[in-house]
Structures are given as C-alpha cells and as structure tokens.
Amino acid sequence: MAVKAVAEGAHTITPHLVINGASEALEFYKKAFGAQIGEVHKTPDGKVMHADFKIGDSRLFLADEFPGMGSPSPKTLGGSPVVLNIFMDNIDKLFNQAVAAGATVTMPLANQFWGDRYGQIKDPFGHTWALGQHVEDVAPEEMERRAREAFTQMPKPGGQE
C-alpha cells in the first residue's frame, strides 16, 4: 500500500511557529484558543524540538528557536510580518479568552466593512493573530463603496489632513 504524500489530517500548507518559550506557548494556546496538543518532542535539555497542535480544524507545528538553525522567533527579530487568521463562531468569546490568557489587543474586535467581525491580538511570544467571524455577505459594489468610505476616515500618515 502506498504512503500518502500528505499525512492523514494534514493540509497542504501547515504553519510552523518558531517560539522563544515553546512549552509555555503550548499552554498559552490551550488557554487562549482551546488548542488540542498532539505530539511534543523535546531535546535532552528540555527545549521543544517539534510539537503539533490543532485549533479548530487546523493543524500547526511549533518549535523552540535554536540559534544558528536559521529560524529565529519573533522576539529575537523584534516582531513578525506574518498574521495567523482564525475564523470561528462566537469570535467575541474567543477574542476575550485570548486577552484573558495574556494576549495584547492590537486592533479591537469590530464589525468591518468587508462583512467580518474582526480584530487582532499579539500573543506573549510575538506572533500576531487575527480573529474573525463572517457576519455579512457584502456585494462587490457595496464593498468598494464601504472601503472608500473607510479609507477616507483613516488618519493620514504623519498626522497630515
């Protein structure tokens, strides 16, 4: 019997988070997002070499950063350009749960012009998470109108009017 190229339960793309404090991050993701922790493999000194976990129906990998291996954590880099998106029912509850677990609000949860209730948080390990729930189907023309309106209300860079 042939082995599948993509393992059962996996997806074609799986995020792999590099963390400074991976064991603590796994506990945070359990409290904040209800993550289900799968396998955790540690080095002899206790660092997480590889772990997998699920949030909803999505699987993620996680490891501690290992200097010299080419994968620094957001804390080492001073931030991350990546945003991880979670879409679920009752997003207000999940957003508040993540904040109570120690996440920092970077964009308050609100109904957005594109039809999602959406906000962003930063976890204690430097990763940015966007939490959303689709609440309205918006026709393309209406979305364009709303987008123009939203962008006219945004502050200009450098305080320009």
N, C-alpha and C. Protein backbone atom coordinates (compact mmCIF):
# COMPACT_ATOMS: atom_id res chain seq x y z
N MET A 1 0.84 -1.17 0.00
CA MET A 1 0.00 0.00 0.00
C MET A 1 0.90 1.24 0.00
N ALA A 2 0.60 2.19 -0.87
CA ALA A 2 1.41 3.40 -0.99
C ALA A 2 1.16 4.35 0.18
N VAL A 3 2.21 5.03 0.59
CA VAL A 3 2.11 6.04 1.65
C VAL A 3 1.64 7.34 1.02
N LYS A 4 0.70 8.02 1.67
CA LYS A 4 0.20 9.30 1.17
C LYS A 4 1.26 10.38 1.34
N ALA A 5 1.37 11.26 0.34
CA ALA A 5 2.32 12.37 0.41
C ALA A 5 1.94 13.36 1.50
N VAL A 6 0.65 13.57 1.70
CA VAL A 6 0.15 14.44 2.76
C VAL A 6 -0.49 13.53 3.80
N ALA A 7 0.05 13.54 5.01
CA ALA A 7 -0.42 12.63 6.07
C ALA A 7 -1.89 12.87 6.38
N GLU A 8 -2.55 11.83 6.85
CA GLU A 8 -3.95 11.91 7.23
C GLU A 8 -4.15 13.03 8.26
N GLY A 9 -5.14 13.90 8.00
CA GLY A 9 -5.44 15.00 8.91
C GLY A 9 -4.60 16.24 8.67
N ALA A 10 -3.62 16.17 7.78
CA ALA A 10 -2.77 17.33 7.48
C ALA A 10 -3.34 18.07 6.27
N HIS A 11 -2.85 19.28 6.09
CA HIS A 11 -3.23 20.11 4.94
C HIS A 11 -1.99 20.37 4.10
N THR A 12 -2.19 20.87 2.91
CA THR A 12 -1.07 21.13 2.01
C THR A 12 -0.10 22.14 2.60
N ILE A 13 -0.62 23.16 3.27
CA ILE A 13 0.23 24.14 3.96
C ILE A 13 -0.06 24.07 5.45
N THR A 14 0.99 23.94 6.24
CA THR A 14 0.87 23.90 7.69
C THR A 14 1.83 24.92 8.29
N PRO A 15 1.33 25.93 8.99
CA PRO A 15 2.23 26.90 9.63
C PRO A 15 3.11 26.21 10.67
N HIS A 16 4.35 26.67 10.76
CA HIS A 16 5.31 26.16 11.74
C HIS A 16 5.83 27.38 12.51
N LEU A 17 5.39 27.51 13.74
CA LEU A 17 5.76 28.66 14.56
C LEU A 17 7.06 28.40 15.29
N VAL A 18 7.97 29.36 15.22
CA VAL A 18 9.21 29.30 15.99
C VAL A 18 9.03 30.24 17.17
N ILE A 19 9.30 29.71 18.36
CA ILE A 19 8.95 30.40 19.59
C ILE A 19 10.12 30.39 20.55
N ASN A 20 10.28 31.47 21.27
CA ASN A 20 11.20 31.53 22.39
C ASN A 20 10.34 31.22 23.62
N GLY A 21 10.33 29.97 24.05
CA GLY A 21 9.47 29.52 25.15
C GLY A 21 8.34 28.65 24.64
N ALA A 22 8.64 27.66 23.82
CA ALA A 22 7.62 26.85 23.16
C ALA A 22 6.71 26.09 24.13
N SER A 23 7.24 25.56 25.20
CA SER A 23 6.40 24.83 26.17
C SER A 23 5.34 25.76 26.77
N GLU A 24 5.76 26.98 27.13
CA GLU A 24 4.82 27.97 27.66
C GLU A 24 3.81 28.37 26.59
N ALA A 25 4.26 28.46 25.35
CA ALA A 25 3.36 28.83 24.24
C ALA A 25 2.26 27.78 24.06
N LEU A 26 2.60 26.51 24.16
CA LEU A 26 1.59 25.46 24.03
C LEU A 26 0.51 25.63 25.09
N GLU A 27 0.92 25.94 26.32
CA GLU A 27 -0.06 26.17 27.39
C GLU A 27 -0.91 27.41 27.11
N PHE A 28 -0.26 28.47 26.60
CA PHE A 28 -1.00 29.68 26.24
C PHE A 28 -2.04 29.37 25.16
N TYR A 29 -1.66 28.65 24.11
CA TYR A 29 -2.58 28.36 23.02
C TYR A 29 -3.75 27.48 23.49
N LYS A 30 -3.51 26.62 24.47
CA LYS A 30 -4.61 25.85 25.07
C LYS A 30 -5.60 26.78 25.75
N LYS A 31 -5.09 27.70 26.57
CA LYS A 31 -5.96 28.63 27.31
C LYS A 31 -6.62 29.65 26.39
N ALA A 32 -5.85 30.21 25.46
CA ALA A 32 -6.34 31.29 24.62
C ALA A 32 -7.29 30.82 23.53
N PHE A 33 -6.94 29.73 22.86
CA PHE A 33 -7.68 29.30 21.67
C PHE A 33 -8.29 27.91 21.77
N GLY A 34 -8.14 27.26 22.94
CA GLY A 34 -8.67 25.90 23.08
C GLY A 34 -7.88 24.89 22.27
N ALA A 35 -6.61 25.14 22.04
CA ALA A 35 -5.77 24.25 21.24
C ALA A 35 -5.73 22.85 21.83
N GLN A 36 -5.71 21.88 20.94
CA GLN A 36 -5.52 20.48 21.32
C GLN A 36 -4.08 20.12 20.98
N ILE A 37 -3.32 19.74 22.00
CA ILE A 37 -1.90 19.45 21.81
C ILE A 37 -1.74 18.00 21.39
N GLY A 38 -0.97 17.81 20.34
CA GLY A 38 -0.66 16.46 19.84
C GLY A 38 0.68 16.01 20.38
N GLU A 39 1.54 15.59 19.48
CA GLU A 39 2.86 15.11 19.88
C GLU A 39 3.78 16.28 20.23
N VAL A 40 4.60 16.06 21.26
CA VAL A 40 5.61 17.04 21.66
C VAL A 40 6.92 16.26 21.84
N HIS A 41 7.94 16.66 21.09
CA HIS A 41 9.25 16.01 21.17
C HIS A 41 10.25 17.04 21.67
N LYS A 42 10.97 16.68 22.72
CA LYS A 42 11.91 17.61 23.34
C LYS A 42 13.36 17.13 23.20
N THR A 43 14.26 18.10 23.24
CA THR A 43 15.69 17.79 23.25
C THR A 43 16.07 17.37 24.67
N PRO A 44 17.25 16.80 24.86
CA PRO A 44 17.66 16.39 26.22
C PRO A 44 17.64 17.53 27.24
N ASP A 45 17.84 18.79 26.78
CA ASP A 45 17.82 19.91 27.73
C ASP A 45 16.42 20.49 27.93
N GLY A 46 15.38 19.87 27.34
CA GLY A 46 14.00 20.26 27.60
C GLY A 46 13.38 21.22 26.60
N LYS A 47 14.13 21.66 25.58
CA LYS A 47 13.54 22.55 24.58
C LYS A 47 12.64 21.73 23.65
N VAL A 48 11.62 22.39 23.12
CA VAL A 48 10.71 21.71 22.19
C VAL A 48 11.36 21.68 20.82
N MET A 49 11.67 20.46 20.37
CA MET A 49 12.25 20.26 19.05
C MET A 49 11.15 20.28 17.99
N HIS A 50 10.00 19.70 18.34
CA HIS A 50 8.84 19.69 17.44
C HIS A 50 7.59 19.38 18.25
N ALA A 51 6.53 20.10 17.94
CA ALA A 51 5.22 19.82 18.54
C ALA A 51 4.18 20.09 17.48
N ASP A 52 3.06 19.42 17.60
CA ASP A 52 1.93 19.76 16.73
C ASP A 52 0.71 19.99 17.61
N PHE A 53 -0.15 20.90 17.13
CA PHE A 53 -1.37 21.19 17.85
C PHE A 53 -2.43 21.62 16.86
N LYS A 54 -3.69 21.56 17.32
CA LYS A 54 -4.82 21.93 16.47
C LYS A 54 -5.62 23.04 17.13
N ILE A 55 -6.04 23.99 16.31
CA ILE A 55 -7.01 25.00 16.71
C ILE A 55 -8.16 24.82 15.73
N GLY A 56 -9.33 24.47 16.24
CA GLY A 56 -10.44 24.15 15.34
C GLY A 56 -10.06 22.97 14.47
N ASP A 57 -10.18 23.13 13.16
CA ASP A 57 -9.83 22.02 12.26
C ASP A 57 -8.45 22.21 11.62
N SER A 58 -7.66 23.15 12.14
CA SER A 58 -6.36 23.45 11.54
C SER A 58 -5.20 22.98 12.42
N ARG A 59 -4.23 22.40 11.77
CA ARG A 59 -3.06 21.86 12.45
C ARG A 59 -1.90 22.83 12.27
N LEU A 60 -1.13 23.02 13.33
CA LEU A 60 0.07 23.86 13.30
C LEU A 60 1.22 23.09 13.93
N PHE A 61 2.43 23.45 13.53
CA PHE A 61 3.63 22.92 14.15
C PHE A 61 4.26 24.04 14.98
N LEU A 62 5.11 23.66 15.92
CA LEU A 62 5.74 24.62 16.81
C LEU A 62 7.07 24.06 17.28
N ALA A 63 8.05 24.92 17.44
CA ALA A 63 9.35 24.52 18.00
C ALA A 63 9.98 25.71 18.68
N ASP A 64 10.85 25.43 19.62
CA ASP A 64 11.68 26.48 20.20
C ASP A 64 12.65 26.96 19.13
N GLU A 65 13.09 28.20 19.27
CA GLU A 65 14.14 28.67 18.35
C GLU A 65 15.45 28.01 18.77
N PHE A 66 16.26 27.74 17.78
CA PHE A 66 17.58 27.16 18.01
C PHE A 66 18.58 28.07 17.30
N PRO A 67 19.31 28.90 18.05
CA PRO A 67 20.26 29.82 17.40
C PRO A 67 21.18 29.07 16.43
N GLY A 68 21.39 29.68 15.28
CA GLY A 68 22.26 29.07 14.28
C GLY A 68 21.54 28.15 13.32
N MET A 69 20.24 27.90 13.55
CA MET A 69 19.49 27.00 12.68
C MET A 69 18.67 27.76 11.63
N GLY A 70 18.74 29.09 11.65
CA GLY A 70 18.09 29.87 10.61
C GLY A 70 16.62 30.14 10.81
N SER A 71 16.09 29.90 11.99
CA SER A 71 14.68 30.16 12.26
C SER A 71 14.52 30.88 13.58
N PRO A 72 14.77 32.19 13.60
CA PRO A 72 14.62 32.94 14.85
C PRO A 72 13.14 33.17 15.18
N SER A 73 12.85 33.43 16.43
CA SER A 73 11.49 33.71 16.88
C SER A 73 11.17 35.19 16.67
N PRO A 74 9.89 35.55 16.71
CA PRO A 74 9.53 36.97 16.62
C PRO A 74 10.19 37.83 17.70
N LYS A 75 10.36 37.28 18.90
CA LYS A 75 11.01 38.06 19.96
C LYS A 75 12.45 38.40 19.58
N THR A 76 13.15 37.46 18.99
CA THR A 76 14.52 37.70 18.56
C THR A 76 14.56 38.71 17.43
N LEU A 77 13.58 38.64 16.53
CA LEU A 77 13.52 39.55 15.37
C LEU A 77 12.93 40.91 15.70
N GLY A 78 12.25 41.01 16.85
CA GLY A 78 11.58 42.27 17.19
C GLY A 78 10.21 42.39 16.55
N GLY A 79 9.60 41.27 16.20
CA GLY A 79 8.27 41.27 15.60
C GLY A 79 8.19 40.24 14.49
N SER A 80 7.01 40.12 13.91
CA SER A 80 6.80 39.17 12.82
C SER A 80 5.94 39.82 11.74
N PRO A 81 6.26 39.61 10.47
CA PRO A 81 5.43 40.14 9.40
C PRO A 81 4.24 39.25 9.06
N VAL A 82 4.09 38.15 9.77
CA VAL A 82 3.06 37.17 9.47
C VAL A 82 1.86 37.36 10.40
N VAL A 83 0.65 37.23 9.85
CA VAL A 83 -0.57 37.26 10.64
C VAL A 83 -1.26 35.91 10.46
N LEU A 84 -1.56 35.25 11.56
CA LEU A 84 -2.29 33.99 11.54
C LEU A 84 -3.76 34.29 11.77
N ASN A 85 -4.63 33.81 10.88
CA ASN A 85 -6.06 34.11 10.95
C ASN A 85 -6.85 32.92 11.49
N ILE A 86 -7.72 33.21 12.45
CA ILE A 86 -8.64 32.21 12.99
C ILE A 86 -10.05 32.70 12.70
N PHE A 87 -10.86 31.89 12.05
CA PHE A 87 -12.26 32.20 11.82
C PHE A 87 -13.10 31.15 12.53
N MET A 88 -14.00 31.60 13.41
CA MET A 88 -14.86 30.70 14.18
C MET A 88 -16.16 31.40 14.54
N ASP A 89 -17.14 30.60 14.94
CA ASP A 89 -18.36 31.14 15.54
C ASP A 89 -18.00 31.74 16.89
N ASN A 90 -18.84 32.66 17.35
CA ASN A 90 -18.69 33.27 18.67
C ASN A 90 -17.28 33.82 18.89
N ILE A 91 -16.83 34.62 17.92
CA ILE A 91 -15.46 35.14 17.94
C ILE A 91 -15.22 36.08 19.11
N ASP A 92 -16.27 36.75 19.59
CA ASP A 92 -16.09 37.64 20.75
C ASP A 92 -15.61 36.85 21.96
N LYS A 93 -16.18 35.68 22.17
CA LYS A 93 -15.77 34.84 23.30
C LYS A 93 -14.30 34.43 23.16
N LEU A 94 -13.91 33.99 21.96
CA LEU A 94 -12.53 33.57 21.75
C LEU A 94 -11.56 34.74 21.90
N PHE A 95 -11.92 35.90 21.37
CA PHE A 95 -11.09 37.10 21.48
C PHE A 95 -10.87 37.44 22.96
N ASN A 96 -11.94 37.49 23.73
CA ASN A 96 -11.84 37.81 25.16
C ASN A 96 -11.05 36.74 25.92
N GLN A 97 -11.22 35.49 25.54
CA GLN A 97 -10.49 34.38 26.16
C GLN A 97 -8.99 34.54 25.91
N ALA A 98 -8.61 34.92 24.68
CA ALA A 98 -7.19 35.10 24.35
C ALA A 98 -6.61 36.27 25.14
N VAL A 99 -7.35 37.35 25.26
CA VAL A 99 -6.89 38.52 26.03
C VAL A 99 -6.74 38.14 27.50
N ALA A 100 -7.70 37.41 28.03
CA ALA A 100 -7.63 36.97 29.43
C ALA A 100 -6.43 36.05 29.67
N ALA A 101 -6.03 35.30 28.63
CA ALA A 101 -4.88 34.39 28.76
C ALA A 101 -3.55 35.12 28.64
N GLY A 102 -3.57 36.40 28.24
CA GLY A 102 -2.33 37.16 28.18
C GLY A 102 -2.01 37.81 26.85
N ALA A 103 -2.89 37.71 25.87
CA ALA A 103 -2.66 38.37 24.58
C ALA A 103 -2.89 39.87 24.71
N THR A 104 -2.25 40.64 23.85
CA THR A 104 -2.39 42.09 23.81
C THR A 104 -3.22 42.48 22.59
N VAL A 105 -4.21 43.31 22.79
CA VAL A 105 -5.06 43.77 21.68
C VAL A 105 -4.28 44.77 20.85
N THR A 106 -4.16 44.51 19.54
CA THR A 106 -3.51 45.44 18.63
C THR A 106 -4.53 46.08 17.68
N MET A 107 -5.69 45.46 17.55
CA MET A 107 -6.81 46.01 16.77
C MET A 107 -8.08 45.49 17.42
N PRO A 108 -8.87 46.37 18.05
CA PRO A 108 -10.08 45.90 18.74
C PRO A 108 -11.02 45.17 17.79
N LEU A 109 -11.71 44.20 18.33
CA LEU A 109 -12.71 43.43 17.57
C LEU A 109 -13.87 44.35 17.22
N ALA A 110 -14.24 44.39 15.93
CA ALA A 110 -15.34 45.24 15.48
C ALA A 110 -15.87 44.70 14.15
N ASN A 111 -17.10 45.09 13.81
CA ASN A 111 -17.65 44.74 12.51
C ASN A 111 -16.93 45.57 11.46
N GLN A 112 -16.41 44.91 10.42
CA GLN A 112 -15.62 45.57 9.39
C GLN A 112 -16.41 45.71 8.09
N PHE A 113 -15.99 46.64 7.24
CA PHE A 113 -16.72 46.93 6.01
C PHE A 113 -16.83 45.75 5.07
N TRP A 114 -15.94 44.78 5.16
CA TRP A 114 -15.95 43.64 4.24
C TRP A 114 -16.88 42.51 4.69
N GLY A 115 -17.52 42.68 5.86
CA GLY A 115 -18.51 41.70 6.30
C GLY A 115 -18.07 40.75 7.39
N ASP A 116 -16.89 40.97 7.95
CA ASP A 116 -16.41 40.13 9.05
C ASP A 116 -16.38 40.93 10.34
N ARG A 117 -16.63 40.25 11.45
CA ARG A 117 -16.31 40.79 12.77
C ARG A 117 -14.87 40.38 12.96
N TYR A 118 -13.97 41.33 13.18
CA TYR A 118 -12.54 41.07 13.03
C TYR A 118 -11.74 41.96 13.98
N GLY A 119 -10.68 41.39 14.54
CA GLY A 119 -9.74 42.14 15.35
C GLY A 119 -8.42 41.40 15.40
N GLN A 120 -7.40 42.03 15.96
CA GLN A 120 -6.08 41.40 16.04
C GLN A 120 -5.52 41.48 17.45
N ILE A 121 -4.75 40.45 17.78
CA ILE A 121 -4.04 40.38 19.05
C ILE A 121 -2.60 39.95 18.79
N LYS A 122 -1.74 40.22 19.76
CA LYS A 122 -0.38 39.71 19.72
C LYS A 122 -0.22 38.79 20.92
N ASP A 123 0.27 37.57 20.67
CA ASP A 123 0.46 36.66 21.79
C ASP A 123 1.73 37.02 22.55
N PRO A 124 1.92 36.48 23.75
CA PRO A 124 3.09 36.83 24.56
C PRO A 124 4.43 36.43 23.93
N PHE A 125 4.39 35.70 22.82
CA PHE A 125 5.60 35.19 22.18
C PHE A 125 5.93 35.94 20.89
N GLY A 126 5.11 36.97 20.57
CA GLY A 126 5.39 37.84 19.45
C GLY A 126 4.64 37.55 18.17
N HIS A 127 3.79 36.53 18.16
CA HIS A 127 3.02 36.22 16.95
C HIS A 127 1.71 37.01 16.94
N THR A 128 1.32 37.49 15.76
CA THR A 128 0.08 38.24 15.58
C THR A 128 -1.00 37.30 15.07
N TRP A 129 -2.16 37.40 15.70
CA TRP A 129 -3.31 36.57 15.35
C TRP A 129 -4.49 37.49 15.01
N ALA A 130 -5.14 37.22 13.91
CA ALA A 130 -6.37 37.92 13.56
C ALA A 130 -7.52 36.96 13.85
N LEU A 131 -8.52 37.44 14.57
CA LEU A 131 -9.67 36.61 14.90
C LEU A 131 -10.88 37.18 14.19
N GLY A 132 -11.60 36.33 13.48
CA GLY A 132 -12.72 36.83 12.71
C GLY A 132 -13.88 35.86 12.65
N GLN A 133 -15.02 36.43 12.34
CA GLN A 133 -16.26 35.67 12.13
C GLN A 133 -17.01 36.38 11.01
N HIS A 134 -17.34 35.64 9.97
CA HIS A 134 -18.10 36.23 8.87
C HIS A 134 -19.52 36.49 9.36
N VAL A 135 -19.98 37.75 9.24
CA VAL A 135 -21.30 38.12 9.75
C VAL A 135 -22.23 38.68 8.67
N GLU A 136 -21.66 39.00 7.49
CA GLU A 136 -22.48 39.60 6.44
C GLU A 136 -21.86 39.34 5.07
N ASP A 137 -22.68 38.90 4.13
CA ASP A 137 -22.23 38.79 2.75
C ASP A 137 -22.41 40.17 2.11
N VAL A 138 -21.33 40.72 1.57
CA VAL A 138 -21.34 42.07 1.01
C VAL A 138 -21.08 41.98 -0.49
N ALA A 139 -21.97 42.56 -1.28
CA ALA A 139 -21.81 42.57 -2.74
C ALA A 139 -20.56 43.38 -3.09
N PRO A 140 -19.86 43.01 -4.18
CA PRO A 140 -18.63 43.71 -4.56
C PRO A 140 -18.78 45.23 -4.67
N GLU A 141 -19.84 45.71 -5.26
CA GLU A 141 -20.02 47.16 -5.41
C GLU A 141 -20.18 47.84 -4.05
N GLU A 142 -20.94 47.21 -3.17
CA GLU A 142 -21.13 47.75 -1.82
C GLU A 142 -19.82 47.73 -1.04
N MET A 143 -19.03 46.67 -1.21
CA MET A 143 -17.75 46.59 -0.52
C MET A 143 -16.82 47.71 -1.00
N GLU A 144 -16.80 47.97 -2.30
CA GLU A 144 -16.00 49.07 -2.83
C GLU A 144 -16.41 50.40 -2.22
N ARG A 145 -17.72 50.64 -2.14
CA ARG A 145 -18.23 51.88 -1.57
C ARG A 145 -17.81 51.99 -0.10
N ARG A 146 -18.00 50.93 0.65
CA ARG A 146 -17.64 50.92 2.07
C ARG A 146 -16.13 51.11 2.27
N ALA A 147 -15.35 50.48 1.40
CA ALA A 147 -13.89 50.61 1.51
C ALA A 147 -13.47 52.06 1.29
N ARG A 148 -14.02 52.70 0.26
CA ARG A 148 -13.69 54.12 0.01
C ARG A 148 -14.04 54.96 1.23
N GLU A 149 -15.21 54.72 1.79
CA GLU A 149 -15.65 55.46 2.97
C GLU A 149 -14.71 55.22 4.15
N ALA A 150 -14.35 53.95 4.37
CA ALA A 150 -13.46 53.61 5.49
C ALA A 150 -12.09 54.26 5.32
N PHE A 151 -11.56 54.25 4.11
CA PHE A 151 -10.23 54.82 3.89
C PHE A 151 -10.23 56.34 3.98
N THR A 152 -11.34 57.01 3.70
CA THR A 152 -11.38 58.47 3.86
C THR A 152 -11.40 58.84 5.34
N GLN A 153 -11.82 57.92 6.20
CA GLN A 153 -11.89 58.19 7.63
C GLN A 153 -10.59 57.83 8.37
N MET A 154 -9.68 57.14 7.67
CA MET A 154 -8.42 56.73 8.31
C MET A 154 -7.50 57.93 8.46
N PRO A 155 -6.77 58.02 9.59
CA PRO A 155 -5.81 59.12 9.75
C PRO A 155 -4.69 58.99 8.70
N LYS A 156 -4.23 60.11 8.21
CA LYS A 156 -3.14 60.16 7.22
C LYS A 156 -1.82 59.92 7.94
N PRO A 157 -0.84 59.30 7.26
CA PRO A 157 0.48 59.10 7.87
C PRO A 157 1.09 60.44 8.27
N GLY A 158 1.71 60.47 9.42
CA GLY A 158 2.39 61.69 9.89
C GLY A 158 1.44 62.78 10.33
N GLY A 159 0.15 62.45 10.54
CA GLY A 159 -0.81 63.43 11.01
C GLY A 159 -1.28 64.42 9.95
N GLN A 160 -1.00 64.13 8.66
CA GLN A 160 -1.44 65.03 7.59
C GLN A 160 -2.95 64.92 7.42
N GLU A 161 -3.57 66.01 7.10
CA GLU A 161 -5.03 66.03 6.87
C GLU A 161 -5.34 65.96 5.40
